[in-house]
Amino acid sequence: MLIIKCAKCKAKLLKYNKIGMGRVLRCWKDRIKQVYEAGVQDGHLLCLKCNNIIAEDVGDFYKMDRNAFTYTGTKVRK
């Protein structure tokens, strides 16, 4: 389970169940377990504290901007 945080203000955004050991390039919507300080506006996932654009809404998943977030936690092996 990963905690995804904003790179600018360090606010908690999402609790995400990452499966596989690769990079976080996509956040599948059905694997998001809890939303903290994130919101969707105009097709983008935003940090609600500083309005930093974290990802683009592409339908079933969010296409993540690698420089806009950090994360802590462990990934689940396949």
Protein backbone atom coordinates (compact mmCIF):
# COMPACT_ATOMS: atom_id res chain seq x y z
CA MET A 1 0.00 0.00 0.00
CA LEU A 2 1.43 3.38 -1.03
CA ILE A 3 0.69 6.83 0.34
CA ILE A 4 0.99 9.28 -2.55
CA LYS A 5 1.96 12.83 -1.52
CA CYS A 6 2.19 16.16 -3.35
CA ALA A 7 5.79 17.07 -4.25
CA LYS A 8 5.19 20.80 -3.61
CA CYS A 9 3.37 20.94 -0.27
CA LYS A 10 3.83 17.32 0.98
CA ALA A 11 0.07 16.88 1.58
CA LYS A 12 -1.27 13.30 1.58
CA LEU A 13 -3.29 12.73 -1.58
CA LEU A 14 -4.16 9.05 -1.98
CA LYS A 15 -3.79 5.61 -0.45
CA TYR A 16 -3.08 3.32 -3.42
CA ASN A 17 -2.64 -0.45 -3.74
CA LYS A 18 0.37 -0.76 -6.11
CA ILE A 19 0.76 -4.22 -7.63
CA GLY A 20 4.13 -4.99 -9.21
CA MET A 21 7.58 -3.58 -8.57
CA GLY A 22 7.70 -1.04 -11.43
CA ARG A 23 7.36 2.73 -11.31
CA VAL A 24 4.10 4.49 -10.52
CA LEU A 25 3.13 5.60 -14.04
CA ARG A 26 -0.60 4.95 -13.76
CA CYS A 27 -2.99 4.92 -10.80
CA TRP A 28 -5.89 2.60 -11.56
CA LYS A 29 -9.10 4.05 -10.09
CA ASP A 30 -10.31 0.72 -8.70
CA ARG A 31 -7.08 0.33 -6.66
CA ILE A 32 -7.40 3.71 -4.88
CA LYS A 33 -8.43 2.84 -1.33
CA GLN A 34 -8.74 6.30 0.24
CA VAL A 35 -8.67 9.91 -0.96
CA TYR A 36 -7.19 12.54 1.38
CA GLU A 37 -6.44 15.93 -0.24
CA ALA A 38 -6.99 15.15 -3.93
CA GLY A 39 -9.73 16.27 -6.27
CA VAL A 40 -10.60 16.04 -9.96
CA GLN A 41 -11.10 19.22 -12.00
CA ASP A 42 -11.14 19.66 -15.80
CA GLY A 43 -9.79 16.14 -16.38
CA HIS A 44 -6.84 16.48 -14.01
CA LEU A 45 -6.13 15.08 -10.54
CA LEU A 46 -5.15 18.02 -8.33
CA CYS A 47 -3.75 18.62 -4.87
CA LEU A 48 -6.49 20.60 -3.11
CA LYS A 49 -4.02 22.51 -0.92
CA CYS A 50 -1.71 24.00 -3.59
CA ASN A 51 -3.58 23.19 -6.86
CA ASN A 52 -0.59 21.23 -8.20
CA ILE A 53 -1.58 19.00 -11.17
CA ILE A 54 -0.68 15.44 -10.17
CA ALA A 55 -2.16 13.39 -13.03
CA GLU A 56 -4.36 13.39 -16.12
CA ASP A 57 -7.68 11.51 -16.07
CA VAL A 58 -7.62 8.97 -18.93
CA GLY A 59 -10.74 6.91 -18.12
CA ASP A 60 -9.99 3.81 -16.01
CA PHE A 61 -6.73 5.25 -14.64
CA TYR A 62 -4.82 8.45 -13.93
CA LYS A 63 -1.68 9.06 -16.02
CA MET A 64 0.74 10.30 -13.35
CA ASP A 65 3.24 13.17 -13.71
CA ARG A 66 6.41 11.72 -12.16
CA ASN A 67 7.71 15.09 -10.95
CA ALA A 68 4.47 16.14 -9.24
CA PHE A 69 4.29 13.51 -6.47
CA THR A 70 6.28 11.38 -4.05
CA TYR A 71 5.25 8.20 -2.27
CA THR A 72 6.02 6.08 0.75
CA GLY A 73 5.04 2.52 1.57
CA THR A 74 5.50 -0.90 0.05
CA LYS A 75 4.55 -2.35 -3.33
CA VAL A 76 2.82 -5.73 -3.60
CA ARG A 77 4.74 -8.32 -5.65
CA LYS A 78 2.87 -10.07 -8.46
